[in-house]
Amino acid sequence: MANPPNNRGSKPQQRNNNAPRGGAGNARGGARPANSAPVKQKKAVEDDGEGEIEMEGVVSAVLAGTMFRVKVASGHEFLAHISGKMRKRFIRLVVGDRVKIEVSPYDMTKARITFRLN
């Protein structure tokens, strides 16, 4: 018995690169389970409604572990840590530097240093 003729011709079949792969599912190519909901995309800018209180103060003491005492004009002192961007950029703070801080409305004794002013 002879082999049946090849209906595709002599050239191998090429795949369309724009065609989706796998099933009709997620980006990895597999099908999503039936009970899972689609993932919601987050907004680019999201306002959480928790208003931090911004103030200006002066570094009065440098403590261990990148913690600082910051004194504001009203006389209050805050225990403050450096924000992530300042850590990333290796911004150094010394006693006497003017800084901008954000105070949480939940704990009025702690703050985050966000900017060095001088």
Protein backbone atom coordinates (compact mmCIF):
# COMPACT_ATOMS: atom_id res chain seq x y z
CA MET A 1 0.00 0.00 0.00
CA ALA A 2 1.36 3.46 -0.94
CA ASN A 3 1.54 6.46 1.35
CA PRO A 4 -1.22 9.07 0.83
CA PRO A 5 -0.07 12.27 -0.91
CA ASN A 6 0.85 15.32 1.21
CA ASN A 7 -1.96 17.88 0.78
CA ARG A 8 0.12 20.74 2.25
CA GLY A 9 2.63 20.91 -0.53
CA SER A 10 6.37 20.73 -0.09
CA LYS A 11 6.60 23.78 2.23
CA PRO A 12 5.95 23.30 5.98
CA GLN A 13 2.98 25.18 7.39
CA GLN A 14 3.86 28.47 9.11
CA ARG A 15 2.12 29.82 12.19
CA ASN A 16 0.49 33.23 12.17
CA ASN A 17 2.42 35.22 14.83
CA ASN A 18 -0.59 37.44 15.57
CA ALA A 19 -2.87 34.53 16.42
CA PRO A 20 -3.48 33.95 20.14
CA ARG A 21 -1.74 30.99 21.72
CA GLY A 22 -3.19 28.51 24.15
CA GLY A 23 -6.79 28.85 25.23
CA ALA A 24 -9.00 31.86 25.63
CA GLY A 25 -7.59 32.72 29.01
CA ASN A 26 -4.94 34.78 30.67
CA ALA A 27 -1.62 36.15 29.40
CA ARG A 28 0.24 32.93 30.17
CA GLY A 29 -1.78 31.05 27.62
CA GLY A 30 -3.84 28.82 29.88
CA ALA A 31 -7.53 29.04 30.53
CA ARG A 32 -8.62 30.86 33.68
CA PRO A 33 -10.51 28.76 36.22
CA ALA A 34 -14.28 29.20 35.97
CA ASN A 35 -14.71 30.50 39.53
CA SER A 36 -12.06 33.26 39.39
CA ALA A 37 -13.07 36.81 38.67
CA PRO A 38 -11.09 39.00 36.26
CA VAL A 39 -8.42 41.12 37.93
CA LYS A 40 -9.30 44.82 38.17
CA GLN A 41 -6.65 47.28 37.02
CA LYS A 42 -5.61 49.98 39.50
CA LYS A 43 -5.79 53.63 38.57
CA ALA A 44 -2.52 55.36 37.74
CA VAL A 45 -3.09 57.94 40.47
CA GLU A 46 -5.16 56.86 43.42
CA ASP A 47 -6.27 59.16 46.22
CA ASP A 48 -6.82 57.18 49.39
CA GLY A 49 -8.50 60.08 51.19
CA GLU A 50 -6.15 59.88 54.19
CA GLY A 51 -4.79 63.39 54.37
CA GLU A 52 -1.32 63.49 55.82
CA ILE A 53 -0.49 66.77 57.50
CA GLU A 54 2.50 68.48 55.89
CA MET A 55 4.74 70.67 58.03
CA GLU A 56 8.19 72.19 57.97
CA GLY A 57 10.65 71.64 60.76
CA VAL A 58 14.30 71.45 61.77
CA VAL A 59 16.23 68.25 62.52
CA SER A 60 17.11 68.49 66.22
CA ALA A 61 18.71 65.05 66.75
CA VAL A 62 20.03 62.19 64.63
CA LEU A 63 19.11 58.79 66.11
CA ALA A 64 20.09 55.23 65.25
CA GLY A 65 18.49 53.43 62.31
CA THR A 66 17.92 56.53 60.14
CA MET A 67 15.50 58.00 62.68
CA PHE A 68 15.45 61.70 63.51
CA ARG A 69 13.88 64.11 65.97
CA VAL A 70 12.26 66.97 64.09
CA LYS A 71 11.12 70.13 65.86
CA VAL A 72 8.42 72.28 64.24
CA ALA A 73 7.71 75.98 64.77
CA SER A 74 4.88 75.30 67.24
CA GLY A 75 7.37 73.59 69.57
CA HIS A 76 6.23 70.00 69.04
CA GLU A 77 8.84 67.30 68.36
CA PHE A 78 8.24 64.32 66.09
CA LEU A 79 10.08 61.02 65.74
CA ALA A 80 10.64 60.87 61.98
CA HIS A 81 12.09 58.44 59.44
CA ILE A 82 13.32 59.11 55.90
CA SER A 83 10.99 58.45 52.97
CA GLY A 84 11.90 55.78 50.43
CA LYS A 85 12.88 58.23 47.69
CA MET A 86 15.34 59.94 50.02
CA ARG A 87 16.85 56.57 50.94
CA LYS A 88 17.12 55.65 47.27
CA ARG A 89 18.89 58.93 46.40
CA PHE A 90 21.19 58.74 49.48
CA ILE A 91 20.07 62.14 50.80
CA ARG A 92 21.96 62.78 54.03
CA LEU A 93 20.52 64.76 56.93
CA VAL A 94 22.39 66.46 59.76
CA VAL A 95 21.31 68.44 62.81
CA GLY A 96 20.05 71.87 61.77
CA ASP A 97 18.68 70.87 58.33
CA ARG A 98 15.26 72.26 57.45
CA VAL A 99 12.96 69.48 56.24
CA LYS A 100 9.41 68.94 55.06
CA ILE A 101 7.56 66.23 57.00
CA GLU A 102 4.26 64.39 56.71
CA VAL A 103 2.45 63.58 59.95
CA SER A 104 -0.10 60.79 60.06
CA PRO A 105 -3.50 61.80 61.45
CA TYR A 106 -3.57 58.48 63.36
CA ASP A 107 -0.35 58.94 65.36
CA MET A 108 0.61 62.55 65.97
CA THR A 109 4.01 61.65 67.44
CA LYS A 110 5.54 60.07 64.34
CA ALA A 111 6.32 61.54 60.93
CA ARG A 112 8.00 60.86 57.59
CA ILE A 113 10.67 63.19 56.18
CA THR A 114 9.86 63.78 52.51
CA PHE A 115 12.11 66.66 51.47
CA ARG A 116 15.31 68.45 52.57
CA LEU A 117 14.83 72.20 52.15
CA ASN A 118 18.36 73.65 52.47
